[in-house]
Amino acid sequence: MAVVKGKQGTKGAKQIKEENRTTYNFYTYIILGANVPVIIMHLL
């Protein structure tokens, strides 16, 4: 097991924004993917 020396670096604002954008997109696709079959079933 490797020993890590020093403190872990903090995340910059740019990295935090990118992670937030990625998370937002992920959950948006999940919500849309769950609702499309429901909408299709209502239209039939």
C-alpha atoms as a PDB file:
ATOM      1  CA  MET A   1       0.000   0.000   0.000  1.00  0.00           C
ATOM      2  CA  ALA A   2       1.435   3.352  -1.011  1.00  0.00           C
ATOM      3  CA  VAL A   3       1.770   6.054   1.590  1.00  0.00           C
ATOM      4  CA  VAL A   4       0.621   9.495   0.466  1.00  0.00           C
ATOM      5  CA  LYS A   5       2.589  12.368   1.919  1.00  0.00           C
ATOM      6  CA  GLY A   6       1.127  15.799   2.496  1.00  0.00           C
ATOM      7  CA  LYS A   7      -2.405  17.090   2.401  1.00  0.00           C
ATOM      8  CA  GLN A   8      -4.849  16.446  -0.398  1.00  0.00           C
ATOM      9  CA  GLY A   9      -5.236  19.477  -2.627  1.00  0.00           C
ATOM     10  CA  THR A  10      -8.497  21.349  -2.598  1.00  0.00           C
ATOM     11  CA  LYS A  11     -10.737  21.464  -5.638  1.00  0.00           C
ATOM     12  CA  GLY A  12     -10.770  24.626  -7.677  1.00  0.00           C
ATOM     13  CA  ALA A  13     -13.955  26.443  -8.627  1.00  0.00           C
ATOM     14  CA  LYS A  14     -13.575  25.325 -12.246  1.00  0.00           C
ATOM     15  CA  GLN A  15     -13.410  21.649 -11.257  1.00  0.00           C
ATOM     16  CA  ILE A  16     -16.405  21.997  -8.929  1.00  0.00           C
ATOM     17  CA  LYS A  17     -18.460  23.642 -11.697  1.00  0.00           C
ATOM     18  CA  GLU A  18     -17.514  20.868 -14.130  1.00  0.00           C
ATOM     19  CA  GLU A  19     -18.489  18.157 -11.627  1.00  0.00           C
ATOM     20  CA  ASN A  20     -21.790  19.917 -10.910  1.00  0.00           C
ATOM     21  CA  ARG A  21     -22.529  20.174 -14.647  1.00  0.00           C
ATOM     22  CA  THR A  22     -21.745  16.479 -15.139  1.00  0.00           C
ATOM     23  CA  THR A  23     -23.989  15.492 -12.233  1.00  0.00           C
ATOM     24  CA  TYR A  24     -26.802  17.740 -13.480  1.00  0.00           C
ATOM     25  CA  ASN A  25     -26.619  16.220 -16.969  1.00  0.00           C
ATOM     26  CA  PHE A  26     -26.582  12.685 -15.559  1.00  0.00           C
ATOM     27  CA  TYR A  27     -29.731  13.163 -13.492  1.00  0.00           C
ATOM     28  CA  THR A  28     -31.449  15.052 -16.325  1.00  0.00           C
ATOM     29  CA  TYR A  29     -30.937  12.049 -18.617  1.00  0.00           C
ATOM     30  CA  ILE A  30     -32.171   9.672 -15.896  1.00  0.00           C
ATOM     31  CA  ILE A  31     -35.357  11.726 -15.395  1.00  0.00           C
ATOM     32  CA  LEU A  32     -36.004  12.014 -19.134  1.00  0.00           C
ATOM     33  CA  GLY A  33     -35.339   8.318 -19.646  1.00  0.00           C
ATOM     34  CA  ALA A  34     -37.816   7.410 -16.919  1.00  0.00           C
ATOM     35  CA  ASN A  35     -40.535   9.717 -18.258  1.00  0.00           C
ATOM     36  CA  VAL A  36     -40.367   8.859 -21.967  1.00  0.00           C
ATOM     37  CA  PRO A  37     -41.929   5.372 -21.560  1.00  0.00           C
ATOM     38  CA  VAL A  38     -44.676   6.820 -19.359  1.00  0.00           C
ATOM     39  CA  ILE A  39     -45.528   9.491 -21.937  1.00  0.00           C
ATOM     40  CA  ILE A  40     -45.530   6.912 -24.728  1.00  0.00           C
ATOM     41  CA  MET A  41     -47.893   4.670 -22.752  1.00  0.00           C
ATOM     42  CA  HIS A  42     -50.264   7.600 -22.171  1.00  0.00           C
ATOM     43  CA  LEU A  43     -50.359   8.366 -25.889  1.00  0.00           C
ATOM     44  CA  LEU A  44     -51.316   4.798 -26.839  1.00  0.00           C
END
